[in-house]
Amino acid sequence: MDGAPPPTSPTGLSAYVAVSQLLGLTLLATTGAWLGRYRGGVAWHSPLQFNAHPLCMVLGMVFLQGDALLVYRVFRHEAKRSTKALHALLHGLALVIALVGIIAVFESHRTKGIPNMYSLHSWCGMAAFVLYLLQWLLGCGFFLFPGASFSVRGQYKPQHIFFGITLFILSITSCLLGITEMLLLKISDSYSHFVPEGILANTLGVLLVAFGLVVCYVLTREEWKRPPLAEEMALSMDFKTLTEGESPSGGSQ
């Protein structure tokens, strides 16, 4: 109706989303400060190529992945198709940036003669990236592009949501392992003396955990889920009728 008030977000949602973005931007700035102040900065074809790895992984696998998960909470009243496209686009961008970070570390190791894939950080990180790519491909196949039936989408949706949150947590865990590994390799002799670099890197770890906690809290609040719009309910019923031959007024609940 023309006189109806504009839809509003549930109480508290906007504040938590704002806090998540503040934490996300702060952790990106902290990552840049650490690499710039203590690790010499970032450059591609140089000894500093490795530093592109932590920067890309924090940006892609943490910040952008977290924002992609929040899309359905933030854009609550926009068209579902547009929200899906933004969700997939942010995840895809996160994958591209993470791939650049992986290439950076492999090329840096090759140049310096350092072996690959020997640490727990590398195992968890590669597992997170590969499973994240698989999750993105399956999500596009089931939800973004037409083809999957209504019942198949409904059966896969809980798994998609569960593994989305799980991979986000695994990505943050991999970053924490990477920070610890880097500190032990670079400043093992002085790390225990509370040197400024160690304190700054530890602060980055705390920010990663805080960002993850806020995002997961927003995602798990049942009352903050995106409500289906009236036209989406009608389209879903029509789609179910066409693909499964059910009457819009019949069938099990």
Protein backbone atom coordinates (compact mmCIF):
# COMPACT_ATOMS: atom_id res chain seq x y z
CA MET A 1 0.00 0.00 0.00
CA ASP A 2 1.12 3.58 -0.76
CA GLY A 3 0.59 4.73 2.81
CA ALA A 4 2.38 1.77 4.42
CA PRO A 5 5.53 2.65 6.40
CA PRO A 6 8.86 1.43 4.96
CA PRO A 7 10.02 -1.92 6.34
CA THR A 8 12.52 -1.72 9.17
CA SER A 9 15.25 -4.02 10.45
CA PRO A 10 14.75 -5.94 13.70
CA THR A 11 15.97 -4.23 16.86
CA GLY A 12 19.71 -4.60 17.28
CA LEU A 13 20.49 -6.03 13.85
CA SER A 14 21.81 -2.79 12.37
CA ALA A 15 24.04 -2.19 15.40
CA TYR A 16 25.61 -5.67 15.20
CA VAL A 17 26.15 -5.36 11.45
CA ALA A 18 27.81 -1.97 11.98
CA VAL A 19 30.08 -3.46 14.65
CA SER A 20 31.01 -6.31 12.32
CA GLN A 21 32.02 -3.85 9.59
CA LEU A 22 34.02 -1.73 12.02
CA LEU A 23 35.85 -4.85 13.21
CA GLY A 24 36.39 -6.02 9.65
CA LEU A 25 37.89 -2.72 8.50
CA THR A 26 40.03 -2.57 11.65
CA LEU A 27 41.44 -6.05 11.11
CA LEU A 28 42.30 -5.15 7.49
CA ALA A 29 44.04 -1.98 8.67
CA THR A 30 45.88 -3.96 11.36
CA THR A 31 47.03 -6.53 8.81
CA GLY A 32 48.34 -3.74 6.58
CA ALA A 33 50.06 -2.04 9.51
CA TRP A 34 51.76 -5.27 10.58
CA LEU A 35 53.02 -6.09 7.09
CA GLY A 36 54.00 -2.50 6.34
CA ARG A 37 55.66 -1.62 9.64
CA TYR A 38 57.42 -4.89 10.49
CA ARG A 39 57.52 -7.05 7.36
CA GLY A 40 58.61 -4.50 4.75
CA GLY A 41 55.30 -4.10 2.89
CA VAL A 42 53.90 -6.00 -0.09
CA ALA A 43 55.36 -6.40 -3.58
CA TRP A 44 54.83 -9.13 -6.16
CA HIS A 45 58.07 -10.03 -7.97
CA SER A 46 60.34 -9.49 -4.99
CA PRO A 47 61.28 -11.07 -1.64
CA LEU A 48 58.15 -9.36 -0.27
CA GLN A 49 55.82 -11.44 -2.44
CA PHE A 50 54.98 -13.70 0.51
CA ASN A 51 53.36 -10.77 2.33
CA ALA A 52 50.57 -10.73 -0.26
CA HIS A 53 49.46 -14.07 1.16
CA PRO A 54 48.28 -12.97 4.65
CA LEU A 55 46.79 -9.77 3.24
CA CYS A 56 44.78 -11.61 0.57
CA MET A 57 43.61 -14.35 2.91
CA VAL A 58 42.37 -11.93 5.56
CA LEU A 59 40.64 -9.80 2.91
CA GLY A 60 39.13 -12.70 0.94
CA MET A 61 38.62 -15.66 3.23
CA VAL A 62 37.60 -13.63 6.30
CA PHE A 63 36.28 -10.13 5.56
CA LEU A 64 34.58 -10.70 2.20
CA GLN A 65 33.39 -14.18 3.15
CA GLY A 66 31.86 -12.78 6.33
CA ASP A 67 30.15 -9.98 4.42
CA ALA A 68 28.81 -12.46 1.87
CA LEU A 69 27.25 -14.46 4.70
CA LEU A 70 25.60 -11.31 6.06
CA VAL A 71 23.96 -10.37 2.76
CA TYR A 72 20.66 -12.10 3.56
CA ARG A 73 20.48 -10.32 6.92
CA VAL A 74 21.35 -6.85 5.61
CA PHE A 75 19.30 -6.83 2.39
CA ARG A 76 16.11 -8.09 3.95
CA HIS A 77 13.56 -6.39 1.70
CA GLU A 78 15.25 -6.45 -1.69
CA ALA A 79 14.39 -8.91 -4.46
CA LYS A 80 15.60 -12.43 -3.67
CA ARG A 81 17.26 -12.82 -7.07
CA SER A 82 19.35 -9.69 -6.55
CA THR A 83 20.31 -10.78 -3.04
CA LYS A 84 21.37 -14.20 -4.32
CA ALA A 85 23.48 -12.61 -7.05
CA LEU A 86 25.25 -10.31 -4.54
CA HIS A 87 25.81 -13.25 -2.18
CA ALA A 88 27.40 -15.31 -4.96
CA LEU A 89 29.39 -12.33 -6.29
CA LEU A 90 30.99 -11.55 -2.93
CA HIS A 91 31.89 -15.21 -2.40
CA GLY A 92 33.34 -15.37 -5.91
CA LEU A 93 35.41 -12.24 -5.32
CA ALA A 94 36.67 -13.71 -2.05
CA LEU A 95 37.76 -16.86 -3.91
CA VAL A 96 39.65 -14.86 -6.55
CA ILE A 97 41.50 -12.80 -3.94
CA ALA A 98 42.29 -15.94 -1.91
CA LEU A 99 43.64 -17.63 -5.05
CA VAL A 100 46.01 -14.69 -5.55
CA GLY A 101 47.18 -15.19 -1.96
CA ILE A 102 47.78 -18.90 -2.53
CA ILE A 103 49.74 -18.24 -5.71
CA ALA A 104 51.83 -15.68 -3.84
CA VAL A 105 52.88 -18.08 -1.11
CA PHE A 106 53.64 -20.96 -3.51
CA GLU A 107 55.75 -18.73 -5.77
CA SER A 108 57.53 -17.22 -2.78
CA HIS A 109 58.33 -20.67 -1.38
CA ARG A 110 59.55 -21.84 -4.78
CA THR A 111 61.85 -18.83 -5.15
CA LYS A 112 63.30 -19.25 -1.66
CA GLY A 113 63.48 -23.05 -1.77
CA ILE A 114 60.99 -23.52 1.06
CA PRO A 115 58.84 -26.69 1.03
CA ASN A 116 55.07 -26.39 0.67
CA MET A 117 52.16 -27.96 2.54
CA TYR A 118 54.07 -29.26 5.55
CA SER A 119 52.40 -27.31 8.37
CA LEU A 120 49.02 -27.59 10.06
CA HIS A 121 48.28 -24.05 8.87
CA SER A 122 48.81 -25.03 5.23
CA TRP A 123 46.65 -28.17 5.58
CA CYS A 124 43.76 -26.28 7.21
CA GLY A 125 44.11 -23.33 4.85
CA MET A 126 44.12 -25.42 1.68
CA ALA A 127 41.20 -27.50 2.95
CA ALA A 128 39.25 -24.30 3.66
CA PHE A 129 39.92 -22.94 0.16
CA VAL A 130 39.08 -26.14 -1.71
CA LEU A 131 35.90 -26.76 0.29
CA TYR A 132 34.95 -23.09 -0.06
CA LEU A 133 35.27 -23.37 -3.84
CA LEU A 134 33.15 -26.52 -3.83
CA GLN A 135 30.56 -24.82 -1.61
CA TRP A 136 30.39 -21.88 -4.01
CA LEU A 137 29.98 -24.09 -7.08
CA LEU A 138 27.25 -26.16 -5.43
CA GLY A 139 25.49 -23.04 -4.18
CA CYS A 140 25.44 -21.53 -7.67
CA GLY A 141 24.23 -24.79 -9.14
CA PHE A 142 21.41 -25.30 -6.66
CA PHE A 143 20.20 -21.77 -5.97
CA LEU A 144 21.44 -19.23 -8.52
CA PHE A 145 20.93 -21.06 -11.80
CA PRO A 146 17.64 -22.78 -12.70
CA GLY A 147 17.41 -26.54 -12.81
CA ALA A 148 17.25 -27.95 -9.29
CA SER A 149 13.77 -28.94 -8.14
CA PHE A 150 12.06 -27.27 -5.19
CA SER A 151 12.43 -30.36 -3.00
CA VAL A 152 16.13 -30.80 -3.82
CA ARG A 153 16.81 -27.16 -2.99
CA GLY A 154 14.95 -27.54 0.27
CA GLN A 155 16.94 -30.64 1.20
CA TYR A 156 20.30 -29.07 0.36
CA LYS A 157 19.67 -25.67 1.96
CA PRO A 158 20.39 -26.73 5.61
CA GLN A 159 23.69 -28.32 4.50
CA HIS A 160 24.60 -25.20 2.54
CA ILE A 161 23.97 -22.98 5.56
CA PHE A 162 25.82 -25.27 7.97
CA PHE A 163 28.91 -25.65 5.81
CA GLY A 164 28.90 -21.93 5.02
CA ILE A 165 29.29 -21.06 8.70
CA THR A 166 31.71 -23.97 9.27
CA LEU A 167 34.01 -22.87 6.45
CA PHE A 168 33.98 -19.31 7.76
CA ILE A 169 35.13 -20.58 11.16
CA LEU A 170 37.75 -22.83 9.53
CA SER A 171 39.06 -19.86 7.54
CA ILE A 172 39.52 -17.78 10.69
CA THR A 173 41.18 -20.72 12.44
CA SER A 174 43.60 -21.10 9.53
CA CYS A 175 44.46 -17.39 9.75
CA LEU A 176 45.16 -17.71 13.48
CA LEU A 177 47.44 -20.68 12.81
CA GLY A 178 49.19 -18.70 10.09
CA ILE A 179 49.79 -15.69 12.35
CA THR A 180 51.29 -17.91 15.05
CA GLU A 181 53.44 -19.78 12.53
CA MET A 182 54.74 -16.55 11.01
CA LEU A 183 55.61 -15.06 14.41
CA LEU A 184 57.44 -18.21 15.51
CA LEU A 185 59.40 -18.27 12.27
CA LYS A 186 60.26 -14.56 12.18
CA ILE A 187 60.64 -13.43 15.81
CA SER A 188 60.92 -16.65 17.80
CA ASP A 189 63.80 -15.25 19.89
CA SER A 190 61.93 -12.12 21.00
CA TYR A 191 58.24 -13.11 20.79
CA SER A 192 58.07 -14.06 24.47
CA HIS A 193 59.36 -10.61 25.49
CA PHE A 194 56.15 -8.85 24.38
CA VAL A 195 57.81 -7.02 21.49
CA PRO A 196 55.62 -4.54 19.55
CA GLU A 197 55.33 -6.78 16.48
CA GLY A 198 54.13 -9.70 18.57
CA ILE A 199 51.58 -7.53 20.37
CA LEU A 200 50.27 -6.12 17.07
CA ALA A 201 49.98 -9.58 15.51
CA ASN A 202 48.23 -10.93 18.60
CA THR A 203 45.83 -8.00 18.40
CA LEU A 204 45.09 -8.98 14.81
CA GLY A 205 44.26 -12.47 16.04
CA VAL A 206 41.87 -11.09 18.65
CA LEU A 207 40.18 -8.94 15.99
CA LEU A 208 39.74 -11.99 13.76
CA VAL A 209 38.04 -13.87 16.59
CA ALA A 210 35.84 -10.88 17.45
CA PHE A 211 34.79 -10.42 13.81
CA GLY A 212 33.94 -14.12 13.56
CA LEU A 213 31.93 -14.09 16.77
CA VAL A 214 29.85 -11.07 15.75
CA VAL A 215 29.13 -12.46 12.26
CA CYS A 216 28.19 -15.88 13.64
CA TYR A 217 25.96 -14.28 16.26
CA VAL A 218 24.06 -12.35 13.58
CA LEU A 219 23.73 -15.48 11.45
CA THR A 220 22.38 -17.64 14.26
CA ARG A 221 19.74 -15.25 15.61
CA GLU A 222 16.53 -16.88 14.42
CA GLU A 223 14.49 -13.68 14.54
CA TRP A 224 17.04 -11.90 12.31
CA LYS A 225 16.59 -14.26 9.37
CA ARG A 226 15.41 -12.70 6.12
CA PRO A 227 11.61 -13.04 5.89
CA PRO A 228 10.24 -14.24 2.54
CA LEU A 229 8.44 -11.53 0.59
CA ALA A 230 4.85 -12.11 -0.53
CA GLU A 231 5.81 -12.38 -4.19
CA GLU A 232 8.57 -14.87 -3.31
CA MET A 233 6.05 -17.10 -1.55
CA ALA A 234 3.85 -17.06 -4.65
CA LEU A 235 6.77 -17.76 -6.98
CA SER A 236 7.99 -20.60 -4.77
CA MET A 237 4.56 -22.20 -4.80
CA ASP A 238 4.33 -21.84 -8.59
CA PHE A 239 7.83 -23.28 -9.01
CA LYS A 240 6.97 -26.23 -6.77
CA THR A 241 3.77 -26.83 -8.72
CA LEU A 242 5.56 -26.79 -12.07
CA THR A 243 8.49 -28.98 -11.04
CA GLU A 244 6.69 -31.49 -8.82
CA GLY A 245 3.11 -31.42 -10.06
CA GLU A 246 1.60 -30.41 -6.72
CA SER A 247 -1.45 -28.23 -6.33
CA PRO A 248 -0.75 -24.85 -4.67
CA SER A 249 -3.46 -25.63 -2.15
CA GLY A 250 -2.60 -29.24 -1.59
CA GLY A 251 0.30 -31.36 -0.45
CA SER A 252 1.84 -31.88 2.94
CA GLN A 253 2.88 -28.95 5.14
